[in-house]
Amino acid sequence: MLNLSVPQDVFKFFASDPIGLMLTVLTADTPASPIFESLDRFLRSIPEDVVADTCRDKEFQSFWAGSKDVDRTARVWIAERFLSDEIARQRLILLRNEHGSQRPTPYSEPALADLTVDEEGMVPLSSFEFDGSRLIRNGYAFTVFVRLLPRIPLTG
């Protein structure tokens, strides 16, 4: 298992982006990106042997064989997969640890601080604007998260 240290600004940038990591990592890997320097350090921290293994991977080759910079593209490929797993892992930890919290995530965010959370952990949708794909409030965009509850068998 790959063990990398993700800079906090890089993690937060990608964890809060609903577009999808591969497109976002590729887009952020440009000097115009606000996290370019941190992302660049993170990409360069990926071990050379992991990059070499990725460059030999048939799936990677089928997508990126003609890339101008195969080494950099392999690093982006690795980062996308690592970040995807790490974001999911951190979200599960957050959900597990907030059980019983007075103000569950994301309602502790400043953009939502004035909303009243009901006993089911819900807020009224009328408190948001909808732009066709996101819920907008106080300059922030949110997406719906569905929390699956354990299935309770019916007894006859």
N, C-alpha and C. Protein backbone atom coordinates (compact mmCIF):
# COMPACT_ATOMS: atom_id res chain seq x y z
N MET A 1 0.85 -1.18 0.00
CA MET A 1 0.00 0.00 0.00
C MET A 1 0.89 1.25 0.00
N LEU A 2 0.55 2.18 -0.83
CA LEU A 2 1.30 3.42 -0.97
C LEU A 2 1.00 4.34 0.20
N ASN A 3 2.03 4.88 0.83
CA ASN A 3 1.87 5.79 1.95
C ASN A 3 2.47 7.13 1.57
N LEU A 4 1.60 8.11 1.29
CA LEU A 4 2.05 9.44 0.91
C LEU A 4 1.49 10.46 1.89
N SER A 5 2.20 11.55 2.07
CA SER A 5 1.73 12.64 2.90
C SER A 5 1.15 13.72 1.99
N VAL A 6 -0.14 13.92 2.08
CA VAL A 6 -0.82 14.89 1.22
C VAL A 6 -0.87 16.24 1.93
N PRO A 7 -0.36 17.30 1.29
CA PRO A 7 -0.47 18.63 1.89
C PRO A 7 -1.94 18.97 2.13
N GLN A 8 -2.23 19.62 3.24
CA GLN A 8 -3.62 19.92 3.62
C GLN A 8 -4.34 20.74 2.55
N ASP A 9 -3.67 21.72 1.94
CA ASP A 9 -4.36 22.54 0.93
C ASP A 9 -4.69 21.72 -0.31
N VAL A 10 -3.84 20.76 -0.65
CA VAL A 10 -4.11 19.87 -1.79
C VAL A 10 -5.30 18.97 -1.47
N PHE A 11 -5.29 18.39 -0.27
CA PHE A 11 -6.39 17.51 0.13
C PHE A 11 -7.72 18.26 0.12
N LYS A 12 -7.76 19.42 0.73
CA LYS A 12 -9.00 20.19 0.83
C LYS A 12 -9.50 20.61 -0.55
N PHE A 13 -8.58 21.02 -1.43
CA PHE A 13 -8.94 21.44 -2.78
C PHE A 13 -9.65 20.31 -3.52
N PHE A 14 -9.08 19.11 -3.49
CA PHE A 14 -9.66 18.00 -4.23
C PHE A 14 -10.86 17.39 -3.52
N ALA A 15 -10.86 17.36 -2.20
CA ALA A 15 -11.98 16.78 -1.46
C ALA A 15 -13.25 17.62 -1.62
N SER A 16 -13.10 18.90 -1.90
CA SER A 16 -14.27 19.77 -2.02
C SER A 16 -14.70 19.98 -3.47
N ASP A 17 -14.07 19.31 -4.41
CA ASP A 17 -14.38 19.49 -5.82
C ASP A 17 -15.22 18.33 -6.34
N PRO A 18 -16.47 18.60 -6.75
CA PRO A 18 -17.35 17.51 -7.19
C PRO A 18 -17.12 17.05 -8.63
N ILE A 19 -16.21 17.66 -9.37
CA ILE A 19 -16.02 17.34 -10.78
C ILE A 19 -15.49 15.94 -10.99
N GLY A 20 -14.55 15.53 -10.20
CA GLY A 20 -13.89 14.25 -10.41
C GLY A 20 -12.40 14.49 -10.43
N LEU A 21 -11.67 13.64 -9.78
CA LEU A 21 -10.25 13.90 -9.54
C LEU A 21 -9.38 13.94 -10.79
N MET A 22 -9.55 13.03 -11.73
CA MET A 22 -8.61 12.98 -12.86
C MET A 22 -8.62 14.30 -13.62
N LEU A 23 -9.79 14.78 -13.96
CA LEU A 23 -9.87 16.05 -14.67
C LEU A 23 -9.35 17.19 -13.79
N THR A 24 -9.68 17.17 -12.52
CA THR A 24 -9.26 18.23 -11.62
C THR A 24 -7.76 18.22 -11.37
N VAL A 25 -7.16 17.04 -11.19
CA VAL A 25 -5.72 16.97 -10.97
C VAL A 25 -4.99 17.47 -12.20
N LEU A 26 -5.44 17.06 -13.38
CA LEU A 26 -4.80 17.54 -14.61
C LEU A 26 -4.91 19.06 -14.74
N THR A 27 -6.08 19.61 -14.41
CA THR A 27 -6.29 21.05 -14.49
C THR A 27 -5.47 21.80 -13.45
N ALA A 28 -5.35 21.24 -12.25
CA ALA A 28 -4.60 21.91 -11.18
C ALA A 28 -3.10 21.81 -11.37
N ASP A 29 -2.66 20.92 -12.25
CA ASP A 29 -1.22 20.74 -12.49
C ASP A 29 -0.73 21.75 -13.54
N THR A 30 -1.09 23.01 -13.32
CA THR A 30 -0.63 24.11 -14.17
C THR A 30 -0.24 25.27 -13.26
N PRO A 31 0.73 26.08 -13.66
CA PRO A 31 1.17 27.20 -12.81
C PRO A 31 0.07 28.19 -12.43
N ALA A 32 -1.02 28.24 -13.19
CA ALA A 32 -2.11 29.16 -12.87
C ALA A 32 -2.97 28.69 -11.70
N SER A 33 -2.84 27.43 -11.32
CA SER A 33 -3.65 26.88 -10.24
C SER A 33 -3.21 27.43 -8.89
N PRO A 34 -4.17 27.72 -7.99
CA PRO A 34 -3.81 28.23 -6.66
C PRO A 34 -3.05 27.23 -5.79
N ILE A 35 -3.11 25.95 -6.13
CA ILE A 35 -2.40 24.94 -5.33
C ILE A 35 -1.24 24.33 -6.10
N PHE A 36 -0.83 24.93 -7.21
CA PHE A 36 0.19 24.33 -8.06
C PHE A 36 1.46 23.96 -7.30
N GLU A 37 1.98 24.88 -6.50
CA GLU A 37 3.25 24.60 -5.81
C GLU A 37 3.13 23.42 -4.85
N SER A 38 2.05 23.38 -4.07
CA SER A 38 1.85 22.25 -3.15
C SER A 38 1.62 20.96 -3.91
N LEU A 39 0.83 21.04 -4.97
CA LEU A 39 0.57 19.85 -5.78
C LEU A 39 1.86 19.36 -6.43
N ASP A 40 2.67 20.28 -6.92
CA ASP A 40 3.94 19.91 -7.54
C ASP A 40 4.84 19.18 -6.54
N ARG A 41 4.94 19.68 -5.32
CA ARG A 41 5.75 19.01 -4.28
C ARG A 41 5.19 17.62 -3.98
N PHE A 42 3.87 17.54 -3.91
CA PHE A 42 3.22 16.25 -3.65
C PHE A 42 3.52 15.27 -4.78
N LEU A 43 3.37 15.70 -6.02
CA LEU A 43 3.63 14.81 -7.17
C LEU A 43 5.09 14.36 -7.19
N ARG A 44 6.01 15.28 -6.88
CA ARG A 44 7.43 14.92 -6.88
C ARG A 44 7.79 13.99 -5.72
N SER A 45 6.93 13.93 -4.69
CA SER A 45 7.21 13.06 -3.54
C SER A 45 6.86 11.60 -3.81
N ILE A 46 6.20 11.33 -4.91
CA ILE A 46 5.83 9.95 -5.24
C ILE A 46 7.11 9.20 -5.60
N PRO A 47 7.35 8.07 -4.96
CA PRO A 47 8.59 7.32 -5.19
C PRO A 47 8.79 6.92 -6.65
N GLU A 48 10.05 6.99 -7.08
CA GLU A 48 10.42 6.68 -8.47
C GLU A 48 10.00 5.27 -8.87
N ASP A 49 10.13 4.30 -7.96
CA ASP A 49 9.78 2.93 -8.32
C ASP A 49 8.28 2.79 -8.59
N VAL A 50 7.46 3.55 -7.87
CA VAL A 50 6.02 3.53 -8.09
C VAL A 50 5.70 4.15 -9.44
N VAL A 51 6.39 5.23 -9.78
CA VAL A 51 6.20 5.88 -11.08
C VAL A 51 6.62 4.92 -12.21
N ALA A 52 7.75 4.26 -12.04
CA ALA A 52 8.24 3.32 -13.06
C ALA A 52 7.25 2.17 -13.26
N ASP A 53 6.71 1.63 -12.16
CA ASP A 53 5.71 0.55 -12.26
C ASP A 53 4.47 1.04 -13.00
N THR A 54 4.04 2.25 -12.71
CA THR A 54 2.87 2.82 -13.37
C THR A 54 3.12 3.00 -14.86
N CYS A 55 4.30 3.46 -15.23
CA CYS A 55 4.63 3.64 -16.65
C CYS A 55 4.59 2.33 -17.42
N ARG A 56 4.81 1.21 -16.74
CA ARG A 56 4.76 -0.11 -17.37
C ARG A 56 3.35 -0.72 -17.36
N ASP A 57 2.45 -0.12 -16.61
CA ASP A 57 1.10 -0.64 -16.47
C ASP A 57 0.33 -0.51 -17.79
N LYS A 58 -0.30 -1.59 -18.22
CA LYS A 58 -1.01 -1.63 -19.51
C LYS A 58 -2.18 -0.65 -19.55
N GLU A 59 -2.90 -0.55 -18.44
CA GLU A 59 -4.04 0.39 -18.41
C GLU A 59 -3.53 1.82 -18.56
N PHE A 60 -2.50 2.18 -17.82
CA PHE A 60 -1.92 3.52 -17.94
C PHE A 60 -1.45 3.77 -19.36
N GLN A 61 -0.74 2.81 -19.93
CA GLN A 61 -0.21 2.96 -21.29
C GLN A 61 -1.33 3.15 -22.30
N SER A 62 -2.45 2.46 -22.12
CA SER A 62 -3.54 2.59 -23.08
C SER A 62 -4.13 4.00 -23.10
N PHE A 63 -4.05 4.70 -21.97
CA PHE A 63 -4.56 6.07 -21.91
C PHE A 63 -3.50 7.11 -22.27
N TRP A 64 -2.26 6.89 -21.84
CA TRP A 64 -1.27 7.96 -21.88
C TRP A 64 0.03 7.64 -22.62
N ALA A 65 0.03 6.63 -23.47
CA ALA A 65 1.25 6.25 -24.17
C ALA A 65 1.87 7.40 -24.96
N GLY A 66 1.07 8.29 -25.51
CA GLY A 66 1.60 9.38 -26.33
C GLY A 66 1.82 10.68 -25.58
N SER A 67 1.79 10.64 -24.27
CA SER A 67 1.95 11.86 -23.47
C SER A 67 3.33 12.49 -23.69
N LYS A 68 3.36 13.83 -23.68
CA LYS A 68 4.64 14.55 -23.83
C LYS A 68 5.57 14.29 -22.65
N ASP A 69 5.00 14.17 -21.47
CA ASP A 69 5.79 13.94 -20.26
C ASP A 69 5.20 12.75 -19.51
N VAL A 70 5.61 11.56 -19.89
CA VAL A 70 5.05 10.33 -19.33
C VAL A 70 5.28 10.26 -17.82
N ASP A 71 6.45 10.68 -17.34
CA ASP A 71 6.74 10.65 -15.91
C ASP A 71 5.74 11.51 -15.14
N ARG A 72 5.51 12.73 -15.59
CA ARG A 72 4.59 13.63 -14.90
C ARG A 72 3.16 13.09 -14.98
N THR A 73 2.79 12.58 -16.13
CA THR A 73 1.45 12.03 -16.30
C THR A 73 1.24 10.82 -15.39
N ALA A 74 2.27 10.00 -15.23
CA ALA A 74 2.19 8.86 -14.31
C ALA A 74 1.99 9.34 -12.88
N ARG A 75 2.67 10.40 -12.51
CA ARG A 75 2.52 10.96 -11.17
C ARG A 75 1.09 11.47 -10.94
N VAL A 76 0.53 12.12 -11.94
CA VAL A 76 -0.85 12.60 -11.85
C VAL A 76 -1.80 11.41 -11.73
N TRP A 77 -1.56 10.37 -12.52
CA TRP A 77 -2.36 9.14 -12.49
C TRP A 77 -2.33 8.51 -11.09
N ILE A 78 -1.15 8.42 -10.51
CA ILE A 78 -0.99 7.85 -9.17
C ILE A 78 -1.68 8.74 -8.13
N ALA A 79 -1.47 10.04 -8.23
CA ALA A 79 -2.07 10.98 -7.28
C ALA A 79 -3.59 10.91 -7.32
N GLU A 80 -4.14 10.82 -8.50
CA GLU A 80 -5.60 10.75 -8.64
C GLU A 80 -6.15 9.53 -7.92
N ARG A 81 -5.52 8.40 -8.09
CA ARG A 81 -5.99 7.18 -7.45
C ARG A 81 -5.77 7.21 -5.93
N PHE A 82 -4.62 7.71 -5.53
CA PHE A 82 -4.33 7.80 -4.11
C PHE A 82 -5.30 8.77 -3.42
N LEU A 83 -5.47 9.95 -4.00
CA LEU A 83 -6.36 10.95 -3.41
C LEU A 83 -7.80 10.46 -3.36
N SER A 84 -8.24 9.78 -4.38
CA SER A 84 -9.59 9.24 -4.40
C SER A 84 -9.82 8.31 -3.21
N ASP A 85 -8.88 7.42 -2.98
CA ASP A 85 -8.98 6.50 -1.84
C ASP A 85 -8.87 7.25 -0.51
N GLU A 86 -7.94 8.18 -0.44
CA GLU A 86 -7.72 8.92 0.82
C GLU A 86 -8.91 9.80 1.17
N ILE A 87 -9.50 10.44 0.18
CA ILE A 87 -10.68 11.29 0.43
C ILE A 87 -11.83 10.43 0.95
N ALA A 88 -12.07 9.29 0.32
CA ALA A 88 -13.12 8.39 0.79
C ALA A 88 -12.85 7.92 2.22
N ARG A 89 -11.60 7.56 2.50
CA ARG A 89 -11.22 7.09 3.84
C ARG A 89 -11.45 8.19 4.88
N GLN A 90 -11.03 9.41 4.58
CA GLN A 90 -11.19 10.52 5.52
C GLN A 90 -12.67 10.87 5.73
N ARG A 91 -13.47 10.78 4.67
CA ARG A 91 -14.91 11.05 4.82
C ARG A 91 -15.56 10.04 5.74
N LEU A 92 -15.19 8.78 5.60
CA LEU A 92 -15.75 7.75 6.47
C LEU A 92 -15.35 7.97 7.93
N ILE A 93 -14.11 8.35 8.14
CA ILE A 93 -13.65 8.66 9.50
C ILE A 93 -14.44 9.83 10.07
N LEU A 94 -14.63 10.86 9.28
CA LEU A 94 -15.38 12.04 9.72
C LEU A 94 -16.81 11.66 10.10
N LEU A 95 -17.46 10.89 9.25
CA LEU A 95 -18.84 10.48 9.54
C LEU A 95 -18.92 9.60 10.79
N ARG A 96 -17.96 8.71 10.93
CA ARG A 96 -17.96 7.83 12.11
C ARG A 96 -17.73 8.61 13.40
N ASN A 97 -16.85 9.60 13.34
CA ASN A 97 -16.49 10.34 14.54
C ASN A 97 -17.47 11.44 14.92
N GLU A 98 -18.37 11.81 14.03
CA GLU A 98 -19.28 12.91 14.37
C GLU A 98 -20.60 12.43 14.96
N HIS A 99 -20.74 11.15 15.16
CA HIS A 99 -21.96 10.61 15.76
C HIS A 99 -22.26 11.33 17.07
N GLY A 100 -23.46 11.86 17.16
CA GLY A 100 -23.86 12.56 18.37
C GLY A 100 -23.40 14.01 18.43
N SER A 101 -22.74 14.49 17.39
CA SER A 101 -22.26 15.87 17.36
C SER A 101 -23.44 16.83 17.35
N GLN A 102 -23.29 17.95 18.03
CA GLN A 102 -24.33 18.97 18.06
C GLN A 102 -24.61 19.53 16.68
N ARG A 103 -23.55 19.73 15.91
CA ARG A 103 -23.69 20.33 14.59
C ARG A 103 -22.88 19.49 13.60
N PRO A 104 -23.52 18.50 12.98
CA PRO A 104 -22.79 17.60 12.08
C PRO A 104 -22.28 18.31 10.83
N THR A 105 -21.27 17.73 10.22
CA THR A 105 -20.73 18.22 8.97
C THR A 105 -21.81 18.14 7.91
N PRO A 106 -21.96 19.09 7.08
CA PRO A 106 -21.18 20.31 6.84
C PRO A 106 -21.75 21.53 7.55
N TYR A 107 -22.71 21.33 8.45
CA TYR A 107 -23.40 22.48 9.04
C TYR A 107 -22.53 23.33 9.95
N SER A 108 -21.34 22.88 10.24
CA SER A 108 -20.40 23.70 11.01
C SER A 108 -19.66 24.70 10.12
N GLU A 109 -19.81 24.57 8.80
CA GLU A 109 -19.19 25.53 7.87
C GLU A 109 -19.81 26.91 8.07
N PRO A 110 -19.00 27.97 7.99
CA PRO A 110 -19.52 29.33 8.20
C PRO A 110 -20.71 29.68 7.29
N ALA A 111 -20.74 29.18 6.07
CA ALA A 111 -21.84 29.49 5.15
C ALA A 111 -23.17 28.89 5.59
N LEU A 112 -23.11 27.93 6.52
CA LEU A 112 -24.33 27.26 6.99
C LEU A 112 -24.58 27.48 8.47
N ALA A 113 -23.74 28.25 9.12
CA ALA A 113 -23.78 28.40 10.57
C ALA A 113 -25.11 28.96 11.09
N ASP A 114 -25.82 29.73 10.29
CA ASP A 114 -27.06 30.34 10.76
C ASP A 114 -28.28 29.44 10.56
N LEU A 115 -28.13 28.28 9.95
CA LEU A 115 -29.25 27.37 9.72
C LEU A 115 -29.54 26.53 10.96
N THR A 116 -30.80 26.26 11.18
CA THR A 116 -31.21 25.39 12.26
C THR A 116 -31.28 23.97 11.73
N VAL A 117 -30.57 23.07 12.39
CA VAL A 117 -30.54 21.67 11.99
C VAL A 117 -31.60 20.93 12.80
N ASP A 118 -32.49 20.20 12.10
CA ASP A 118 -33.56 19.50 12.83
C ASP A 118 -33.06 18.21 13.47
N GLU A 119 -33.96 17.50 14.16
CA GLU A 119 -33.57 16.30 14.89
C GLU A 119 -33.08 15.16 13.99
N GLU A 120 -33.37 15.24 12.69
CA GLU A 120 -32.89 14.24 11.75
C GLU A 120 -31.62 14.68 11.02
N GLY A 121 -31.04 15.81 11.45
CA GLY A 121 -29.82 16.31 10.83
C GLY A 121 -30.06 16.98 9.49
N MET A 122 -31.25 17.51 9.30
CA MET A 122 -31.63 18.11 8.02
C MET A 122 -31.85 19.62 8.18
N VAL A 123 -31.72 20.31 7.05
CA VAL A 123 -32.03 21.73 6.96
C VAL A 123 -32.96 21.92 5.76
N PRO A 124 -33.75 23.00 5.73
CA PRO A 124 -34.68 23.17 4.61
C PRO A 124 -33.96 23.51 3.30
N LEU A 125 -34.36 22.84 2.23
CA LEU A 125 -33.78 23.12 0.91
C LEU A 125 -34.07 24.56 0.49
N SER A 126 -35.15 25.14 1.00
CA SER A 126 -35.50 26.52 0.65
C SER A 126 -34.44 27.52 1.14
N SER A 127 -33.51 27.07 1.98
CA SER A 127 -32.42 27.93 2.46
C SER A 127 -31.30 28.06 1.43
N PHE A 128 -31.41 27.33 0.33
CA PHE A 128 -30.37 27.31 -0.70
C PHE A 128 -30.94 27.76 -2.04
N GLU A 129 -30.06 28.21 -2.92
CA GLU A 129 -30.39 28.41 -4.32
C GLU A 129 -29.90 27.16 -5.04
N PHE A 130 -30.62 26.76 -6.09
CA PHE A 130 -30.21 25.59 -6.86
C PHE A 130 -29.83 26.05 -8.26
N ASP A 131 -28.61 25.71 -8.71
CA ASP A 131 -28.14 26.15 -10.03
C ASP A 131 -28.23 25.05 -11.09
N GLY A 132 -28.94 24.00 -10.80
CA GLY A 132 -29.07 22.89 -11.74
C GLY A 132 -28.25 21.68 -11.34
N SER A 133 -27.22 21.90 -10.52
CA SER A 133 -26.42 20.76 -10.07
C SER A 133 -25.91 20.94 -8.64
N ARG A 134 -25.89 22.17 -8.14
CA ARG A 134 -25.35 22.41 -6.80
C ARG A 134 -26.33 23.24 -5.98
N LEU A 135 -26.21 23.10 -4.67
CA LEU A 135 -26.96 23.94 -3.74
C LEU A 135 -26.03 25.08 -3.34
N ILE A 136 -26.46 26.31 -3.54
CA ILE A 136 -25.62 27.49 -3.31
C ILE A 136 -26.13 28.25 -2.09
N ARG A 137 -25.18 28.64 -1.24
CA ARG A 137 -25.53 29.45 -0.07
C ARG A 137 -24.32 30.25 0.36
N ASN A 138 -24.50 31.55 0.50
CA ASN A 138 -23.46 32.46 0.99
C ASN A 138 -22.14 32.30 0.23
N GLY A 139 -22.22 32.14 -1.09
CA GLY A 139 -21.02 32.05 -1.91
C GLY A 139 -20.34 30.69 -1.92
N TYR A 140 -20.95 29.68 -1.33
CA TYR A 140 -20.40 28.33 -1.31
C TYR A 140 -21.36 27.39 -2.03
N ALA A 141 -20.81 26.38 -2.66
CA ALA A 141 -21.62 25.37 -3.35
C ALA A 141 -21.54 24.06 -2.59
N PHE A 142 -22.67 23.40 -2.49
CA PHE A 142 -22.76 22.13 -1.78
C PHE A 142 -23.46 21.11 -2.67
N THR A 143 -23.14 19.85 -2.48
CA THR A 143 -23.86 18.78 -3.15
C THR A 143 -24.49 17.91 -2.07
N VAL A 144 -25.50 17.19 -2.46
CA VAL A 144 -26.23 16.36 -1.51
C VAL A 144 -25.42 15.10 -1.21
N PHE A 145 -25.38 14.74 0.04
CA PHE A 145 -24.74 13.51 0.49
C PHE A 145 -25.84 12.62 1.06
N VAL A 146 -25.93 11.42 0.56
CA VAL A 146 -26.93 10.48 1.05
C VAL A 146 -26.25 9.51 1.99
N ARG A 147 -26.73 9.48 3.20
CA ARG A 147 -26.19 8.56 4.20
C ARG A 147 -27.09 7.33 4.23
N LEU A 148 -26.52 6.21 3.89
CA LEU A 148 -27.28 4.96 3.87
C LEU A 148 -27.36 4.39 5.27
N LEU A 149 -28.54 4.02 5.65
CA LEU A 149 -28.75 3.43 6.96
C LEU A 149 -28.76 1.92 6.82
N PRO A 150 -28.42 1.20 7.89
CA PRO A 150 -28.44 -0.26 7.81
C PRO A 150 -29.86 -0.75 7.50
N ARG A 151 -29.92 -1.80 6.72
CA ARG A 151 -31.22 -2.38 6.35
C ARG A 151 -31.75 -3.16 7.55
N ILE A 152 -33.00 -2.89 7.88
CA ILE A 152 -33.65 -3.59 9.01
C ILE A 152 -34.60 -4.62 8.41
N PRO A 153 -34.38 -5.91 8.70
CA PRO A 153 -35.24 -6.94 8.11
C PRO A 153 -36.67 -6.84 8.68
N LEU A 154 -37.61 -7.05 7.80
CA LEU A 154 -39.00 -7.06 8.23
C LEU A 154 -39.33 -8.43 8.78
N THR A 155 -40.05 -8.45 9.87
CA THR A 155 -40.46 -9.74 10.44
C THR A 155 -41.95 -9.91 10.22
N GLY A 156 -42.40 -11.13 9.98
CA GLY A 156 -43.78 -11.39 9.65
C GLY A 156 -44.52 -11.82 10.81
